[in-house]
Amino acid sequence: MIIMSLNGTNLINMDHVENIFLGADRKSVKANMVSRSGCELAKYSDYECCKYALEALFLAVKSEDKVFQFPKEEDMKHTRQYSSHCTSRKRSHGGS
């Protein structure tokens, strides 16, 4: 799989990636390479967008996609609003 960074300046071959993780700031997705170098793949304004992007990458890897481009934040916010509107939430009713 080839990953394009959010800003479009890096193409990363997953064959050379050791691990992908949320940065210490909890707003960035970073990768460590087998060669011991690292890079930032994406940076978002909040943790929820960052986590959503990492989950999207996981789904692309799981489905064996050939190419993945990190989603833009504006697109994610629209998708997240739609999905949260459509999901039901368990409510506490106070009973047993």
C-alpha atoms as a PDB file:
ATOM      1  CA  MET A   1       0.000   0.000   0.000  1.00  0.00           C
ATOM      2  CA  ILE A   2       1.090   3.548  -0.715  1.00  0.00           C
ATOM      3  CA  ILE A   3       0.033   6.294   1.720  1.00  0.00           C
ATOM      4  CA  MET A   4      -0.134   9.951   0.730  1.00  0.00           C
ATOM      5  CA  SER A   5       0.349  12.389   3.586  1.00  0.00           C
ATOM      6  CA  LEU A   6      -2.420  14.841   4.358  1.00  0.00           C
ATOM      7  CA  ASN A   7      -0.479  17.799   2.936  1.00  0.00           C
ATOM      8  CA  GLY A   8       0.388  15.840  -0.205  1.00  0.00           C
ATOM      9  CA  THR A   9       4.159  16.176   0.189  1.00  0.00           C
ATOM     10  CA  ASN A  10       5.000  12.564   1.131  1.00  0.00           C
ATOM     11  CA  LEU A  11       4.286   9.186  -0.383  1.00  0.00           C
ATOM     12  CA  ILE A  12       5.062   6.341   1.962  1.00  0.00           C
ATOM     13  CA  ASN A  13       5.436   2.706   0.981  1.00  0.00           C
ATOM     14  CA  MET A  14       3.874   0.606   3.762  1.00  0.00           C
ATOM     15  CA  ASP A  15       6.473  -2.112   3.094  1.00  0.00           C
ATOM     16  CA  HIS A  16       9.005   0.195   4.786  1.00  0.00           C
ATOM     17  CA  VAL A  17       6.854   1.235   7.768  1.00  0.00           C
ATOM     18  CA  GLU A  18       7.491  -0.271  11.180  1.00  0.00           C
ATOM     19  CA  ASN A  19       4.564   1.340  13.006  1.00  0.00           C
ATOM     20  CA  ILE A  20       2.006   4.144  12.722  1.00  0.00           C
ATOM     21  CA  PHE A  21       0.778   5.941  15.829  1.00  0.00           C
ATOM     22  CA  LEU A  22      -0.816   9.063  17.284  1.00  0.00           C
ATOM     23  CA  GLY A  23       1.765  11.677  18.191  1.00  0.00           C
ATOM     24  CA  ALA A  24       2.292  12.909  21.751  1.00  0.00           C
ATOM     25  CA  ASP A  25       0.181  15.979  20.915  1.00  0.00           C
ATOM     26  CA  ARG A  26      -2.746  13.611  20.134  1.00  0.00           C
ATOM     27  CA  LYS A  27      -3.417  15.661  16.986  1.00  0.00           C
ATOM     28  CA  SER A  28      -0.973  14.076  14.560  1.00  0.00           C
ATOM     29  CA  VAL A  29      -0.475  10.698  12.897  1.00  0.00           C
ATOM     30  CA  LYS A  30       3.165   9.675  12.633  1.00  0.00           C
ATOM     31  CA  ALA A  31       5.108   6.752  11.236  1.00  0.00           C
ATOM     32  CA  ASN A  32       8.388   5.104  12.121  1.00  0.00           C
ATOM     33  CA  MET A  33      10.229   3.481   9.263  1.00  0.00           C
ATOM     34  CA  VAL A  34      12.219   0.265   9.327  1.00  0.00           C
ATOM     35  CA  SER A  35      15.289   2.432   8.631  1.00  0.00           C
ATOM     36  CA  ARG A  36      14.653   4.146  12.016  1.00  0.00           C
ATOM     37  CA  SER A  37      13.625   7.443  10.445  1.00  0.00           C
ATOM     38  CA  GLY A  38      10.164   8.860  11.045  1.00  0.00           C
ATOM     39  CA  CYS A  39       7.695  11.298   9.570  1.00  0.00           C
ATOM     40  CA  GLU A  40       4.398  13.021  10.223  1.00  0.00           C
ATOM     41  CA  LEU A  41       1.640  11.712   7.973  1.00  0.00           C
ATOM     42  CA  ALA A  42      -1.181  14.026   9.044  1.00  0.00           C
ATOM     43  CA  LYS A  43      -1.995  16.741  11.562  1.00  0.00           C
ATOM     44  CA  TYR A  44      -5.521  17.704  12.632  1.00  0.00           C
ATOM     45  CA  SER A  45      -7.081  20.268  14.945  1.00  0.00           C
ATOM     46  CA  ASP A  46      -8.325  17.753  17.521  1.00  0.00           C
ATOM     47  CA  TYR A  47      -7.941  14.241  18.850  1.00  0.00           C
ATOM     48  CA  GLU A  48     -11.250  12.987  17.415  1.00  0.00           C
ATOM     49  CA  CYS A  49     -10.267  13.865  13.828  1.00  0.00           C
ATOM     50  CA  CYS A  50      -6.852  12.307  14.335  1.00  0.00           C
ATOM     51  CA  LYS A  51      -8.335   9.093  15.723  1.00  0.00           C
ATOM     52  CA  TYR A  52     -10.898   8.968  12.896  1.00  0.00           C
ATOM     53  CA  ALA A  53      -8.094   9.276  10.315  1.00  0.00           C
ATOM     54  CA  LEU A  54      -6.091   6.487  11.944  1.00  0.00           C
ATOM     55  CA  GLU A  55      -9.178   4.263  11.931  1.00  0.00           C
ATOM     56  CA  ALA A  56      -9.716   5.039   8.226  1.00  0.00           C
ATOM     57  CA  LEU A  57      -6.127   3.983   7.521  1.00  0.00           C
ATOM     58  CA  PHE A  58      -6.678   0.763   9.474  1.00  0.00           C
ATOM     59  CA  LEU A  59      -9.769  -0.045   7.403  1.00  0.00           C
ATOM     60  CA  ALA A  60      -7.827   0.593   4.186  1.00  0.00           C
ATOM     61  CA  VAL A  61      -5.033  -1.741   5.317  1.00  0.00           C
ATOM     62  CA  LYS A  62      -7.566  -4.366   6.401  1.00  0.00           C
ATOM     63  CA  SER A  63      -9.317  -4.274   3.021  1.00  0.00           C
ATOM     64  CA  GLU A  64      -5.947  -4.465   1.252  1.00  0.00           C
ATOM     65  CA  ASP A  65      -6.362  -1.180  -0.629  1.00  0.00           C
ATOM     66  CA  LYS A  66      -3.431  -0.238  -2.848  1.00  0.00           C
ATOM     67  CA  VAL A  67      -3.505   3.512  -2.104  1.00  0.00           C
ATOM     68  CA  PHE A  68      -4.628   5.569   0.884  1.00  0.00           C
ATOM     69  CA  GLN A  69      -4.862   9.334   1.165  1.00  0.00           C
ATOM     70  CA  PHE A  70      -5.526  10.884   4.551  1.00  0.00           C
ATOM     71  CA  PRO A  71      -8.955  12.514   4.678  1.00  0.00           C
ATOM     72  CA  LYS A  72      -9.262  16.277   4.855  1.00  0.00           C
ATOM     73  CA  GLU A  73     -10.644  17.585   8.108  1.00  0.00           C
ATOM     74  CA  GLU A  74     -13.613  19.336   6.466  1.00  0.00           C
ATOM     75  CA  ASP A  75     -14.712  16.057   4.877  1.00  0.00           C
ATOM     76  CA  MET A  76     -14.353  14.156   8.144  1.00  0.00           C
ATOM     77  CA  LYS A  77     -16.421  16.610  10.137  1.00  0.00           C
ATOM     78  CA  HIS A  78     -19.321  16.224   7.700  1.00  0.00           C
ATOM     79  CA  THR A  79     -19.045  12.420   7.791  1.00  0.00           C
ATOM     80  CA  ARG A  80     -18.769  12.327  11.599  1.00  0.00           C
ATOM     81  CA  GLN A  81     -21.829  14.572  12.000  1.00  0.00           C
ATOM     82  CA  TYR A  82     -23.851  12.322   9.712  1.00  0.00           C
ATOM     83  CA  SER A  83     -22.763   9.099  11.407  1.00  0.00           C
ATOM     84  CA  SER A  84     -23.360  10.433  14.934  1.00  0.00           C
ATOM     85  CA  HIS A  85     -26.821  11.582  13.862  1.00  0.00           C
ATOM     86  CA  CYS A  86     -27.656   8.101  12.556  1.00  0.00           C
ATOM     87  CA  THR A  87     -26.349   6.056  15.473  1.00  0.00           C
ATOM     88  CA  SER A  88     -28.491   5.408  18.496  1.00  0.00           C
ATOM     89  CA  ARG A  89     -27.151   6.024  21.964  1.00  0.00           C
ATOM     90  CA  LYS A  90     -27.880   3.760  24.919  1.00  0.00           C
ATOM     91  CA  ARG A  91     -29.646   5.737  27.599  1.00  0.00           C
ATOM     92  CA  SER A  92     -29.716   5.035  31.288  1.00  0.00           C
ATOM     93  CA  HIS A  93     -33.217   4.377  32.523  1.00  0.00           C
ATOM     94  CA  GLY A  94     -32.438   3.997  36.207  1.00  0.00           C
ATOM     95  CA  GLY A  95     -33.935   0.523  36.470  1.00  0.00           C
ATOM     96  CA  SER A  96     -32.406  -2.907  36.705  1.00  0.00           C
END
